[in-house]
Amino acid sequence: MMDVPKQVQDKLAQFQNLQNQLQMIAVQKQQLMLQGMDSENALKEMEGFGDGKIYRMVGSIILETKKDECVKKLSDDKESSQAKISVLEKQEKKMASKLNEMRVEIQAMLGGREQPPKTREQ
């Protein structure tokens, strides 16, 4: 069996590290999407709600709050989630591109098929 050169091993380690980072970004993005959907659903529920008492969770306690304050907080939370998702999507796109570049580079180092074909002109 052929030994893998140290340079290729290092590149593979970087590749795996970048893959892990990309997976973490995907998880963060999914969590933010769920938070945004929760805020959206709560806002929809409050549309038909009169001026009755509204309670919200703050840590481990429940506080009474005004409807307009609650709507503002939910809207801000939703907007914040969307902004963070946008940033994560940009990072995700850059990392995916970098991963593809690294994959091609590693295959080239190992003599893979991703190298452009050599011409016979010399």
PDB file of N, CA and C in Angstrom:
ATOM      1  N   MET A   1       0.834  -1.185   0.000  1.00  0.00           N
ATOM      2  CA  MET A   1       0.000   0.000   0.000  1.00  0.00           C
ATOM      3  C   MET A   1       0.878   1.246   0.000  1.00  0.00           C
ATOM      4  N   MET A   2       0.468   2.244  -0.727  1.00  0.00           N
ATOM      5  CA  MET A   2       1.249   3.469  -0.892  1.00  0.00           C
ATOM      6  C   MET A   2       1.096   4.387   0.322  1.00  0.00           C
ATOM      7  N   ASP A   3       2.227   4.958   0.769  1.00  0.00           N
ATOM      8  CA  ASP A   3       2.176   5.933   1.852  1.00  0.00           C
ATOM      9  C   ASP A   3       1.715   7.268   1.296  1.00  0.00           C
ATOM     10  N   VAL A   4       0.882   7.955   2.076  1.00  0.00           N
ATOM     11  CA  VAL A   4       0.389   9.271   1.659  1.00  0.00           C
ATOM     12  C   VAL A   4       1.397  10.315   2.131  1.00  0.00           C
ATOM     13  N   PRO A   5       1.875  11.166   1.230  1.00  0.00           N
ATOM     14  CA  PRO A   5       2.846  12.197   1.609  1.00  0.00           C
ATOM     15  C   PRO A   5       2.295  13.123   2.705  1.00  0.00           C
ATOM     16  N   LYS A   6       3.211  13.637   3.523  1.00  0.00           N
ATOM     17  CA  LYS A   6       2.834  14.522   4.638  1.00  0.00           C
ATOM     18  C   LYS A   6       2.044  15.725   4.144  1.00  0.00           C
ATOM     19  N   GLN A   7       2.437  16.284   3.022  1.00  0.00           N
ATOM     20  CA  GLN A   7       1.749  17.455   2.466  1.00  0.00           C
ATOM     21  C   GLN A   7       0.277  17.125   2.169  1.00  0.00           C
ATOM     22  N   VAL A   8       0.032  15.937   1.649  1.00  0.00           N
ATOM     23  CA  VAL A   8      -1.338  15.514   1.335  1.00  0.00           C
ATOM     24  C   VAL A   8      -2.113  15.254   2.627  1.00  0.00           C
ATOM     25  N   GLN A   9      -1.448  14.648   3.606  1.00  0.00           N
ATOM     26  CA  GLN A   9      -2.090  14.412   4.900  1.00  0.00           C
ATOM     27  C   GLN A   9      -2.523  15.728   5.538  1.00  0.00           C
ATOM     28  N   ASP A  10      -1.643  16.725   5.483  1.00  0.00           N
ATOM     29  CA  ASP A  10      -1.969  18.045   6.036  1.00  0.00           C
ATOM     30  C   ASP A  10      -3.155  18.667   5.300  1.00  0.00           C
ATOM     31  N   LYS A  11      -3.149  18.546   3.982  1.00  0.00           N
ATOM     32  CA  LYS A  11      -4.237  19.112   3.170  1.00  0.00           C
ATOM     33  C   LYS A  11      -5.551  18.391   3.485  1.00  0.00           C
ATOM     34  N   LEU A  12      -5.486  17.074   3.668  1.00  0.00           N
ATOM     35  CA  LEU A  12      -6.683  16.307   4.025  1.00  0.00           C
ATOM     36  C   LEU A  12      -7.217  16.723   5.397  1.00  0.00           C
ATOM     37  N   ALA A  13      -6.316  16.978   6.340  1.00  0.00           N
ATOM     38  CA  ALA A  13      -6.733  17.431   7.670  1.00  0.00           C
ATOM     39  C   ALA A  13      -7.433  18.787   7.575  1.00  0.00           C
ATOM     40  N   GLN A  14      -6.885  19.689   6.762  1.00  0.00           N
ATOM     41  CA  GLN A  14      -7.520  20.996   6.549  1.00  0.00           C
ATOM     42  C   GLN A  14      -8.898  20.819   5.906  1.00  0.00           C
ATOM     43  N   PHE A  15      -8.974  19.916   4.956  1.00  0.00           N
ATOM     44  CA  PHE A  15     -10.229  19.638   4.254  1.00  0.00           C
ATOM     45  C   PHE A  15     -11.294  19.146   5.237  1.00  0.00           C
ATOM     46  N   GLN A  16     -10.917  18.200   6.089  1.00  0.00           N
ATOM     47  CA  GLN A  16     -11.858  17.660   7.072  1.00  0.00           C
ATOM     48  C   GLN A  16     -12.274  18.726   8.085  1.00  0.00           C
ATOM     49  N   ASN A  17     -11.334  19.567   8.486  1.00  0.00           N
ATOM     50  CA  ASN A  17     -11.644  20.654   9.407  1.00  0.00           C
ATOM     51  C   ASN A  17     -12.663  21.608   8.784  1.00  0.00           C
ATOM     52  N   LEU A  18     -12.461  21.936   7.524  1.00  0.00           N
ATOM     53  CA  LEU A  18     -13.377  22.826   6.813  1.00  0.00           C
ATOM     54  C   LEU A  18     -14.752  22.174   6.649  1.00  0.00           C
ATOM     55  N   GLN A  19     -14.776  20.872   6.407  1.00  0.00           N
ATOM     56  CA  GLN A  19     -16.054  20.151   6.319  1.00  0.00           C
ATOM     57  C   GLN A  19     -16.813  20.246   7.643  1.00  0.00           C
ATOM     58  N   ASN A  20     -16.092  20.073   8.746  1.00  0.00           N
ATOM     59  CA  ASN A  20     -16.715  20.169  10.069  1.00  0.00           C
ATOM     60  C   ASN A  20     -17.274  21.565  10.313  1.00  0.00           C
ATOM     61  N   GLN A  21     -16.518  22.585   9.925  1.00  0.00           N
ATOM     62  CA  GLN A  21     -16.987  23.961  10.081  1.00  0.00           C
ATOM     63  C   GLN A  21     -18.247  24.200   9.253  1.00  0.00           C
ATOM     64  N   LEU A  22     -18.267  23.653   8.060  1.00  0.00           N
ATOM     65  CA  LEU A  22     -19.432  23.803   7.186  1.00  0.00           C
ATOM     66  C   LEU A  22     -20.658  23.125   7.802  1.00  0.00           C
ATOM     67  N   GLN A  23     -20.459  21.974   8.406  1.00  0.00           N
ATOM     68  CA  GLN A  23     -21.562  21.282   9.074  1.00  0.00           C
ATOM     69  C   GLN A  23     -22.070  22.091  10.264  1.00  0.00           C
ATOM     70  N   MET A  24     -21.162  22.701  11.016  1.00  0.00           N
ATOM     71  CA  MET A  24     -21.568  23.527  12.160  1.00  0.00           C
ATOM     72  C   MET A  24     -22.376  24.734  11.693  1.00  0.00           C
ATOM     73  N   ILE A  25     -21.978  25.320  10.583  1.00  0.00           N
ATOM     74  CA  ILE A  25     -22.716  26.455  10.032  1.00  0.00           C
ATOM     75  C   ILE A  25     -24.117  26.010   9.617  1.00  0.00           C
ATOM     76  N   ALA A  26     -24.222  24.842   9.019  1.00  0.00           N
ATOM     77  CA  ALA A  26     -25.531  24.330   8.603  1.00  0.00           C
ATOM     78  C   ALA A  26     -26.443  24.121   9.813  1.00  0.00           C
ATOM     79  N   VAL A  27     -25.886  23.625  10.903  1.00  0.00           N
ATOM     80  CA  VAL A  27     -26.663  23.419  12.129  1.00  0.00           C
ATOM     81  C   VAL A  27     -27.111  24.765  12.702  1.00  0.00           C
ATOM     82  N   GLN A  28     -26.196  25.734  12.758  1.00  0.00           N
ATOM     83  CA  GLN A  28     -26.545  27.069  13.259  1.00  0.00           C
ATOM     84  C   GLN A  28     -27.643  27.689  12.405  1.00  0.00           C
ATOM     85  N   LYS A  29     -27.512  27.547  11.108  1.00  0.00           N
ATOM     86  CA  LYS A  29     -28.498  28.109  10.182  1.00  0.00           C
ATOM     87  C   LYS A  29     -29.868  27.475  10.415  1.00  0.00           C
ATOM     88  N   GLN A  30     -29.881  26.174  10.603  1.00  0.00           N
ATOM     89  CA  GLN A  30     -31.140  25.475  10.842  1.00  0.00           C
ATOM     90  C   GLN A  30     -31.782  25.946  12.153  1.00  0.00           C
ATOM     91  N   GLN A  31     -30.975  26.122  13.198  1.00  0.00           N
ATOM     92  CA  GLN A  31     -31.494  26.608  14.476  1.00  0.00           C
ATOM     93  C   GLN A  31     -32.086  28.006  14.332  1.00  0.00           C
ATOM     94  N   LEU A  32     -31.400  28.864  13.601  1.00  0.00           N
ATOM     95  CA  LEU A  32     -31.901  30.221  13.384  1.00  0.00           C
ATOM     96  C   LEU A  32     -33.185  30.216  12.560  1.00  0.00           C
ATOM     97  N   MET A  33     -33.272  29.324  11.598  1.00  0.00           N
ATOM     98  CA  MET A  33     -34.496  29.221  10.803  1.00  0.00           C
ATOM     99  C   MET A  33     -35.677  28.805  11.681  1.00  0.00           C
ATOM    100  N   LEU A  34     -35.433  27.874  12.592  1.00  0.00           N
ATOM    101  CA  LEU A  34     -36.486  27.445  13.515  1.00  0.00           C
ATOM    102  C   LEU A  34     -36.900  28.584  14.442  1.00  0.00           C
ATOM    103  N   GLN A  35     -35.922  29.343  14.940  1.00  0.00           N
ATOM    104  CA  GLN A  35     -36.236  30.492  15.793  1.00  0.00           C
ATOM    105  C   GLN A  35     -37.071  31.512  15.030  1.00  0.00           C
ATOM    106  N   GLY A  36     -36.693  31.762  13.791  1.00  0.00           N
ATOM    107  CA  GLY A  36     -37.437  32.701  12.960  1.00  0.00           C
ATOM    108  C   GLY A  36     -38.866  32.233  12.720  1.00  0.00           C
ATOM    109  N   MET A  37     -39.026  30.930  12.478  1.00  0.00           N
ATOM    110  CA  MET A  37     -40.371  30.382  12.268  1.00  0.00           C
ATOM    111  C   MET A  37     -41.200  30.466  13.543  1.00  0.00           C
ATOM    112  N   ASP A  38     -40.557  30.235  14.700  1.00  0.00           N
ATOM    113  CA  ASP A  38     -41.262  30.369  15.977  1.00  0.00           C
ATOM    114  C   ASP A  38     -41.764  31.799  16.166  1.00  0.00           C
ATOM    115  N   SER A  39     -40.911  32.766  15.882  1.00  0.00           N
ATOM    116  CA  SER A  39     -41.300  34.172  16.007  1.00  0.00           C
ATOM    117  C   SER A  39     -42.443  34.496  15.043  1.00  0.00           C
ATOM    118  N   GLU A  40     -42.321  34.008  13.823  1.00  0.00           N
ATOM    119  CA  GLU A  40     -43.362  34.237  12.806  1.00  0.00           C
ATOM    120  C   GLU A  40     -44.699  33.652  13.244  1.00  0.00           C
ATOM    121  N   ASN A  41     -44.674  32.421  13.748  1.00  0.00           N
ATOM    122  CA  ASN A  41     -45.905  31.776  14.205  1.00  0.00           C
ATOM    123  C   ASN A  41     -46.523  32.526  15.378  1.00  0.00           C
ATOM    124  N   ALA A  42     -45.691  32.975  16.300  1.00  0.00           N
ATOM    125  CA  ALA A  42     -46.199  33.733  17.448  1.00  0.00           C
ATOM    126  C   ALA A  42     -46.823  35.046  16.982  1.00  0.00           C
ATOM    127  N   LEU A  43     -46.190  35.710  16.020  1.00  0.00           N
ATOM    128  CA  LEU A  43     -46.746  36.960  15.485  1.00  0.00           C
ATOM    129  C   LEU A  43     -48.101  36.716  14.825  1.00  0.00           C
ATOM    130  N   LYS A  44     -48.231  35.631  14.083  1.00  0.00           N
ATOM    131  CA  LYS A  44     -49.505  35.301  13.439  1.00  0.00           C
ATOM    132  C   LYS A  44     -50.592  35.042  14.476  1.00  0.00           C
ATOM    133  N   GLU A  45     -50.225  34.351  15.542  1.00  0.00           N
ATOM    134  CA  GLU A  45     -51.185  34.072  16.609  1.00  0.00           C
ATOM    135  C   GLU A  45     -51.656  35.364  17.270  1.00  0.00           C
ATOM    136  N   MET A  46     -50.763  36.315  17.382  1.00  0.00           N
ATOM    137  CA  MET A  46     -51.098  37.558  18.081  1.00  0.00           C
ATOM    138  C   MET A  46     -51.928  38.510  17.223  1.00  0.00           C
ATOM    139  N   GLU A  47     -51.949  38.303  15.897  1.00  0.00           N
ATOM    140  CA  GLU A  47     -52.725  39.178  15.014  1.00  0.00           C
ATOM    141  C   GLU A  47     -54.195  39.223  15.412  1.00  0.00           C
ATOM    142  N   GLY A  48     -54.762  38.088  15.704  1.00  0.00           N
ATOM    143  CA  GLY A  48     -56.179  38.028  16.050  1.00  0.00           C
ATOM    144  C   GLY A  48     -56.443  38.179  17.535  1.00  0.00           C
ATOM    145  N   PHE A  49     -55.391  38.362  18.275  1.00  0.00           N
ATOM    146  CA  PHE A  49     -55.513  38.456  19.728  1.00  0.00           C
ATOM    147  C   PHE A  49     -55.870  39.885  20.110  1.00  0.00           C
ATOM    148  N   GLY A  50     -56.835  40.022  20.968  1.00  0.00           N
ATOM    149  CA  GLY A  50     -57.253  41.356  21.416  1.00  0.00           C
ATOM    150  C   GLY A  50     -56.224  41.975  22.345  1.00  0.00           C
ATOM    151  N   ASP A  51     -56.706  42.808  23.221  1.00  0.00           N
ATOM    152  CA  ASP A  51     -55.810  43.479  24.168  1.00  0.00           C
ATOM    153  C   ASP A  51     -55.779  42.771  25.511  1.00  0.00           C
ATOM    154  N   GLY A  52     -56.004  41.478  25.506  1.00  0.00           N
ATOM    155  CA  GLY A  52     -55.955  40.706  26.743  1.00  0.00           C
ATOM    156  C   GLY A  52     -54.534  40.624  27.280  1.00  0.00           C
ATOM    157  N   LYS A  53     -54.394  39.919  28.366  1.00  0.00           N
ATOM    158  CA  LYS A  53     -53.073  39.783  28.985  1.00  0.00           C
ATOM    159  C   LYS A  53     -52.194  38.873  28.126  1.00  0.00           C
ATOM    160  N   ILE A  54     -50.947  39.267  28.022  1.00  0.00           N
ATOM    161  CA  ILE A  54     -49.956  38.467  27.301  1.00  0.00           C
ATOM    162  C   ILE A  54     -48.798  38.212  28.256  1.00  0.00           C
ATOM    163  N   TYR A  55     -48.330  36.990  28.226  1.00  0.00           N
ATOM    164  CA  TYR A  55     -47.203  36.605  29.067  1.00  0.00           C
ATOM    165  C   TYR A  55     -46.084  36.100  28.169  1.00  0.00           C
ATOM    166  N   ARG A  56     -44.857  36.332  28.608  1.00  0.00           N
ATOM    167  CA  ARG A  56     -43.713  35.817  27.855  1.00  0.00           C
ATOM    168  C   ARG A  56     -42.680  35.266  28.827  1.00  0.00           C
ATOM    169  N   MET A  57     -41.930  34.307  28.313  1.00  0.00           N
ATOM    170  CA  MET A  57     -40.885  33.674  29.123  1.00  0.00           C
ATOM    171  C   MET A  57     -39.623  34.526  29.081  1.00  0.00           C
ATOM    172  N   VAL A  58     -39.074  34.757  30.255  1.00  0.00           N
ATOM    173  CA  VAL A  58     -37.784  35.432  30.373  1.00  0.00           C
ATOM    174  C   VAL A  58     -36.952  34.541  31.289  1.00  0.00           C
ATOM    175  N   GLY A  59     -36.067  33.779  30.672  1.00  0.00           N
ATOM    176  CA  GLY A  59     -35.298  32.818  31.458  1.00  0.00           C
ATOM    177  C   GLY A  59     -36.235  31.756  32.004  1.00  0.00           C
ATOM    178  N   SER A  60     -36.258  31.611  33.315  1.00  0.00           N
ATOM    179  CA  SER A  60     -37.105  30.590  33.926  1.00  0.00           C
ATOM    180  C   SER A  60     -38.370  31.179  34.547  1.00  0.00           C
ATOM    181  N   ILE A  61     -38.665  32.461  34.263  1.00  0.00           N
ATOM    182  CA  ILE A  61     -39.875  33.075  34.809  1.00  0.00           C
ATOM    183  C   ILE A  61     -40.788  33.557  33.683  1.00  0.00           C
ATOM    184  N   ILE A  62     -42.048  33.731  34.024  1.00  0.00           N
ATOM    185  CA  ILE A  62     -43.036  34.231  33.070  1.00  0.00           C
ATOM    186  C   ILE A  62     -43.455  35.617  33.526  1.00  0.00           C
ATOM    187  N   LEU A  63     -43.395  36.578  32.596  1.00  0.00           N
ATOM    188  CA  LEU A  63     -43.756  37.958  32.907  1.00  0.00           C
ATOM    189  C   LEU A  63     -44.950  38.400  32.073  1.00  0.00           C
ATOM    190  N   GLU A  64     -45.794  39.245  32.681  1.00  0.00           N
ATOM    191  CA  GLU A  64     -46.878  39.856  31.923  1.00  0.00           C
ATOM    192  C   GLU A  64     -46.278  41.004  31.122  1.00  0.00           C
ATOM    193  N   THR A  65     -46.741  41.182  29.891  1.00  0.00           N
ATOM    194  CA  THR A  65     -46.204  42.235  29.040  1.00  0.00           C
ATOM    195  C   THR A  65     -47.323  42.822  28.185  1.00  0.00           C
ATOM    196  N   LYS A  66     -47.059  43.963  27.594  1.00  0.00           N
ATOM    197  CA  LYS A  66     -48.028  44.591  26.697  1.00  0.00           C
ATOM    198  C   LYS A  66     -47.901  43.952  25.320  1.00  0.00           C
ATOM    199  N   LYS A  67     -49.026  43.910  24.606  1.00  0.00           N
ATOM    200  CA  LYS A  67     -49.048  43.277  23.288  1.00  0.00           C
ATOM    201  C   LYS A  67     -48.070  43.954  22.336  1.00  0.00           C
ATOM    202  N   ASP A  68     -48.072  45.292  22.295  1.00  0.00           N
ATOM    203  CA  ASP A  68     -47.193  45.989  21.346  1.00  0.00           C
ATOM    204  C   ASP A  68     -45.718  45.747  21.646  1.00  0.00           C
ATOM    205  N   GLU A  69     -45.369  45.635  22.931  1.00  0.00           N
ATOM    206  CA  GLU A  69     -43.979  45.330  23.297  1.00  0.00           C
ATOM    207  C   GLU A  69     -43.605  43.920  22.842  1.00  0.00           C
ATOM    208  N   CYS A  70     -44.542  43.011  23.016  1.00  0.00           N
ATOM    209  CA  CYS A  70     -44.297  41.619  22.630  1.00  0.00           C
ATOM    210  C   CYS A  70     -44.166  41.497  21.107  1.00  0.00           C
ATOM    211  N   VAL A  71     -45.034  42.197  20.373  1.00  0.00           N
ATOM    212  CA  VAL A  71     -44.972  42.172  18.909  1.00  0.00           C
ATOM    213  C   VAL A  71     -43.640  42.740  18.435  1.00  0.00           C
ATOM    214  N   LYS A  72     -43.202  43.840  19.048  1.00  0.00           N
ATOM    215  CA  LYS A  72     -41.920  44.454  18.671  1.00  0.00           C
ATOM    216  C   LYS A  72     -40.772  43.490  18.933  1.00  0.00           C
ATOM    217  N   LYS A  73     -40.778  42.857  20.092  1.00  0.00           N
ATOM    218  CA  LYS A  73     -39.714  41.908  20.448  1.00  0.00           C
ATOM    219  C   LYS A  73     -39.684  40.738  19.462  1.00  0.00           C
ATOM    220  N   LEU A  74     -40.844  40.196  19.140  1.00  0.00           N
ATOM    221  CA  LEU A  74     -40.904  39.075  18.196  1.00  0.00           C
ATOM    222  C   LEU A  74     -40.444  39.494  16.803  1.00  0.00           C
ATOM    223  N   SER A  75     -40.842  40.679  16.376  1.00  0.00           N
ATOM    224  CA  SER A  75     -40.420  41.189  15.062  1.00  0.00           C
ATOM    225  C   SER A  75     -38.911  41.392  15.020  1.00  0.00           C
ATOM    226  N   ASP A  76     -38.370  41.955  16.102  1.00  0.00           N
ATOM    227  CA  ASP A  76     -36.920  42.154  16.183  1.00  0.00           C
ATOM    228  C   ASP A  76     -36.180  40.818  16.161  1.00  0.00           C
ATOM    229  N   ASP A  77     -36.706  39.847  16.901  1.00  0.00           N
ATOM    230  CA  ASP A  77     -36.087  38.518  16.934  1.00  0.00           C
ATOM    231  C   ASP A  77     -36.093  37.876  15.549  1.00  0.00           C
ATOM    232  N   LYS A  78     -37.227  38.003  14.854  1.00  0.00           N
ATOM    233  CA  LYS A  78     -37.350  37.434  13.509  1.00  0.00           C
ATOM    234  C   LYS A  78     -36.365  38.103  12.557  1.00  0.00           C
ATOM    235  N   GLU A  79     -36.288  39.420  12.619  1.00  0.00           N
ATOM    236  CA  GLU A  79     -35.374  40.180  11.759  1.00  0.00           C
ATOM    237  C   GLU A  79     -33.917  39.818  12.048  1.00  0.00           C
ATOM    238  N   SER A  80     -33.590  39.686  13.324  1.00  0.00           N
ATOM    239  CA  SER A  80     -32.232  39.316  13.728  1.00  0.00           C
ATOM    240  C   SER A  80     -31.870  37.926  13.202  1.00  0.00           C
ATOM    241  N   SER A  81     -32.803  36.995  13.310  1.00  0.00           N
ATOM    242  CA  SER A  81     -32.568  35.638  12.800  1.00  0.00           C
ATOM    243  C   SER A  81     -32.314  35.664  11.302  1.00  0.00           C
ATOM    244  N   GLN A  82     -33.105  36.448  10.577  1.00  0.00           N
ATOM    245  CA  GLN A  82     -32.945  36.525   9.127  1.00  0.00           C
ATOM    246  C   GLN A  82     -31.589  37.126   8.750  1.00  0.00           C
ATOM    247  N   ALA A  83     -31.154  38.140   9.484  1.00  0.00           N
ATOM    248  CA  ALA A  83     -29.853  38.763   9.200  1.00  0.00           C
ATOM    249  C   ALA A  83     -28.715  37.768   9.446  1.00  0.00           C
ATOM    250  N   LYS A  84     -28.813  37.032  10.543  1.00  0.00           N
ATOM    251  CA  LYS A  84     -27.778  36.046  10.860  1.00  0.00           C
ATOM    252  C   LYS A  84     -27.757  34.916   9.833  1.00  0.00           C
ATOM    253  N   ILE A  85     -28.934  34.506   9.376  1.00  0.00           N
ATOM    254  CA  ILE A  85     -29.022  33.463   8.348  1.00  0.00           C
ATOM    255  C   ILE A  85     -28.332  33.931   7.075  1.00  0.00           C
ATOM    256  N   SER A  86     -28.542  35.181   6.725  1.00  0.00           N
ATOM    257  CA  SER A  86     -27.919  35.743   5.522  1.00  0.00           C
ATOM    258  C   SER A  86     -26.395  35.687   5.616  1.00  0.00           C
ATOM    259  N   VAL A  87     -25.868  36.039   6.775  1.00  0.00           N
ATOM    260  CA  VAL A  87     -24.416  35.995   6.989  1.00  0.00           C
ATOM    261  C   VAL A  87     -23.916  34.552   6.892  1.00  0.00           C
ATOM    262  N   LEU A  88     -24.636  33.634   7.523  1.00  0.00           N
ATOM    263  CA  LEU A  88     -24.230  32.226   7.489  1.00  0.00           C
ATOM    264  C   LEU A  88     -24.280  31.658   6.072  1.00  0.00           C
ATOM    265  N   GLU A  89     -25.266  32.079   5.287  1.00  0.00           N
ATOM    266  CA  GLU A  89     -25.354  31.595   3.908  1.00  0.00           C
ATOM    267  C   GLU A  89     -24.157  32.050   3.081  1.00  0.00           C
ATOM    268  N   LYS A  90     -23.699  33.282   3.327  1.00  0.00           N
ATOM    269  CA  LYS A  90     -22.507  33.776   2.618  1.00  0.00           C
ATOM    270  C   LYS A  90     -21.280  32.964   3.019  1.00  0.00           C
ATOM    271  N   GLN A  91     -21.144  32.702   4.332  1.00  0.00           N
ATOM    272  CA  GLN A  91     -20.018  31.899   4.810  1.00  0.00           C
ATOM    273  C   GLN A  91     -20.092  30.487   4.230  1.00  0.00           C
ATOM    274  N   GLU A  92     -21.293  29.946   4.203  1.00  0.00           N
ATOM    275  CA  GLU A  92     -21.512  28.593   3.687  1.00  0.00           C
ATOM    276  C   GLU A  92     -21.093  28.504   2.216  1.00  0.00           C
ATOM    277  N   LYS A  93     -21.452  29.503   1.447  1.00  0.00           N
ATOM    278  CA  LYS A  93     -21.116  29.524   0.021  1.00  0.00           C
ATOM    279  C   LYS A  93     -19.598  29.593  -0.178  1.00  0.00           C
ATOM    280  N   LYS A  94     -18.923  30.465   0.592  1.00  0.00           N
ATOM    281  CA  LYS A  94     -17.465  30.581   0.490  1.00  0.00           C
ATOM    282  C   LYS A  94     -16.781  29.272   0.871  1.00  0.00           C
ATOM    283  N   MET A  95     -17.259  28.660   1.957  1.00  0.00           N
ATOM    284  CA  MET A  95     -16.644  27.411   2.411  1.00  0.00           C
ATOM    285  C   MET A  95     -16.866  26.283   1.416  1.00  0.00           C
ATOM    286  N   ALA A  96     -18.047  26.205   0.843  1.00  0.00           N
ATOM    287  CA  ALA A  96     -18.329  25.154  -0.143  1.00  0.00           C
ATOM    288  C   ALA A  96     -17.412  25.310  -1.350  1.00  0.00           C
ATOM    289  N   SER A  97     -17.190  26.544  -1.766  1.00  0.00           N
ATOM    290  CA  SER A  97     -16.290  26.809  -2.889  1.00  0.00           C
ATOM    291  C   SER A  97     -14.859  26.407  -2.534  1.00  0.00           C
ATOM    292  N   LYS A  98     -14.433  26.773  -1.329  1.00  0.00           N
ATOM    293  CA  LYS A  98     -13.086  26.432  -0.866  1.00  0.00           C
ATOM    294  C   LYS A  98     -12.922  24.910  -0.766  1.00  0.00           C
ATOM    295  N   LEU A  99     -13.959  24.225  -0.280  1.00  0.00           N
ATOM    296  CA  LEU A  99     -13.907  22.761  -0.197  1.00  0.00           C
ATOM    297  C   LEU A  99     -13.734  22.136  -1.575  1.00  0.00           C
ATOM    298  N   ASN A 100     -14.446  22.655  -2.536  1.00  0.00           N
ATOM    299  CA  ASN A 100     -14.335  22.126  -3.895  1.00  0.00           C
ATOM    300  C   ASN A 100     -12.925  22.342  -4.444  1.00  0.00           C
ATOM    301  N   GLU A 101     -12.373  23.533  -4.213  1.00  0.00           N
ATOM    302  CA  GLU A 101     -10.998  23.819  -4.649  1.00  0.00           C
ATOM    303  C   GLU A 101     -10.015  22.854  -3.995  1.00  0.00           C
ATOM    304  N   MET A 102     -10.194  22.647  -2.687  1.00  0.00           N
ATOM    305  CA  MET A 102      -9.289  21.754  -1.964  1.00  0.00           C
ATOM    306  C   MET A 102      -9.421  20.315  -2.459  1.00  0.00           C
ATOM    307  N   ARG A 103     -10.649  19.890  -2.754  1.00  0.00           N
ATOM    308  CA  ARG A 103     -10.871  18.531  -3.253  1.00  0.00           C
ATOM    309  C   ARG A 103     -10.110  18.317  -4.559  1.00  0.00           C
ATOM    310  N   VAL A 104     -10.224  19.276  -5.462  1.00  0.00           N
ATOM    311  CA  VAL A 104      -9.519  19.184  -6.744  1.00  0.00           C
ATOM    312  C   VAL A 104      -8.010  19.167  -6.510  1.00  0.00           C
ATOM    313  N   GLU A 105      -7.554  20.017  -5.605  1.00  0.00           N
ATOM    314  CA  GLU A 105      -6.121  20.106  -5.292  1.00  0.00           C
ATOM    315  C   GLU A 105      -5.602  18.781  -4.725  1.00  0.00           C
ATOM    316  N   ILE A 106      -6.368  18.190  -3.813  1.00  0.00           N
ATOM    317  CA  ILE A 106      -5.958  16.921  -3.200  1.00  0.00           C
ATOM    318  C   ILE A 106      -5.927  15.813  -4.249  1.00  0.00           C
ATOM    319  N   GLN A 107      -6.941  15.783  -5.090  1.00  0.00           N
ATOM    320  CA  GLN A 107      -6.960  14.767  -6.144  1.00  0.00           C
ATOM    321  C   GLN A 107      -5.779  14.939  -7.090  1.00  0.00           C
ATOM    322  N   ALA A 108      -5.431  16.180  -7.374  1.00  0.00           N
ATOM    323  CA  ALA A 108      -4.272  16.436  -8.238  1.00  0.00           C
ATOM    324  C   ALA A 108      -2.988  15.965  -7.557  1.00  0.00           C
ATOM    325  N   MET A 109      -2.890  16.192  -6.245  1.00  0.00           N
ATOM    326  CA  MET A 109      -1.704  15.760  -5.499  1.00  0.00           C
ATOM    327  C   MET A 109      -1.574  14.237  -5.520  1.00  0.00           C
ATOM    328  N   LEU A 110      -2.709  13.571  -5.526  1.00  0.00           N
ATOM    329  CA  LEU A 110      -2.703  12.111  -5.521  1.00  0.00           C
ATOM    330  C   LEU A 110      -2.702  11.531  -6.933  1.00  0.00           C
ATOM    331  N   GLY A 111      -2.654  12.413  -7.924  1.00  0.00           N
ATOM    332  CA  GLY A 111      -2.652  11.947  -9.306  1.00  0.00           C
ATOM    333  C   GLY A 111      -4.036  11.555  -9.781  1.00  0.00           C
ATOM    334  N   GLY A 112      -5.057  12.225  -9.234  1.00  0.00           N
ATOM    335  CA  GLY A 112      -6.448  11.925  -9.586  1.00  0.00           C
ATOM    336  C   GLY A 112      -6.813  12.384 -10.975  1.00  0.00           C
ATOM    337  N   ARG A 113      -8.028  12.157 -11.340  1.00  0.00           N
ATOM    338  CA  ARG A 113      -8.514  12.455 -12.686  1.00  0.00           C
ATOM    339  C   ARG A 113      -8.963  13.897 -12.852  1.00  0.00           C
ATOM    340  N   GLU A 114      -8.918  14.691 -11.822  1.00  0.00           N
ATOM    341  CA  GLU A 114      -9.391  16.069 -11.911  1.00  0.00           C
ATOM    342  C   GLU A 114      -8.398  16.993 -12.616  1.00  0.00           C
ATOM    343  N   GLN A 115      -7.191  16.478 -12.887  1.00  0.00           N
ATOM    344  CA  GLN A 115      -6.202  17.290 -13.589  1.00  0.00           C
ATOM    345  C   GLN A 115      -6.616  17.424 -15.043  1.00  0.00           C
ATOM    346  N   PRO A 116      -6.315  18.558 -15.656  1.00  0.00           N
ATOM    347  CA  PRO A 116      -6.625  18.688 -17.078  1.00  0.00           C
ATOM    348  C   PRO A 116      -5.799  17.682 -17.866  1.00  0.00           C
ATOM    349  N   PRO A 117      -6.357  17.149 -18.954  1.00  0.00           N
ATOM    350  CA  PRO A 117      -5.610  16.153 -19.734  1.00  0.00           C
ATOM    351  C   PRO A 117      -4.353  16.769 -20.341  1.00  0.00           C
ATOM    352  N   LYS A 118      -3.295  15.984 -20.339  1.00  0.00           N
ATOM    353  CA  LYS A 118      -2.028  16.455 -20.905  1.00  0.00           C
ATOM    354  C   LYS A 118      -2.069  16.279 -22.417  1.00  0.00           C
ATOM    355  N   THR A 119      -1.546  17.257 -23.111  1.00  0.00           N
ATOM    356  CA  THR A 119      -1.507  17.169 -24.577  1.00  0.00           C
ATOM    357  C   THR A 119      -0.203  16.517 -25.006  1.00  0.00           C
ATOM    358  N   ARG A 120      -0.193  15.971 -26.196  1.00  0.00           N
ATOM    359  CA  ARG A 120       1.000  15.304 -26.720  1.00  0.00           C
ATOM    360  C   ARG A 120       1.944  16.277 -27.400  1.00  0.00           C
ATOM    361  N   GLU A 121       1.559  17.523 -27.478  1.00  0.00           N
ATOM    362  CA  GLU A 121       2.415  18.523 -28.134  1.00  0.00           C
ATOM    363  C   GLU A 121       3.574  18.877 -27.218  1.00  0.00           C
ATOM    364  N   GLN A 122       4.783  18.680 -27.683  1.00  0.00           N
ATOM    365  CA  GLN A 122       5.959  19.046 -26.890  1.00  0.00           C
ATOM    366  C   GLN A 122       7.091  19.438 -27.764  1.00  0.00           C
TER     367      GLN A 122
END
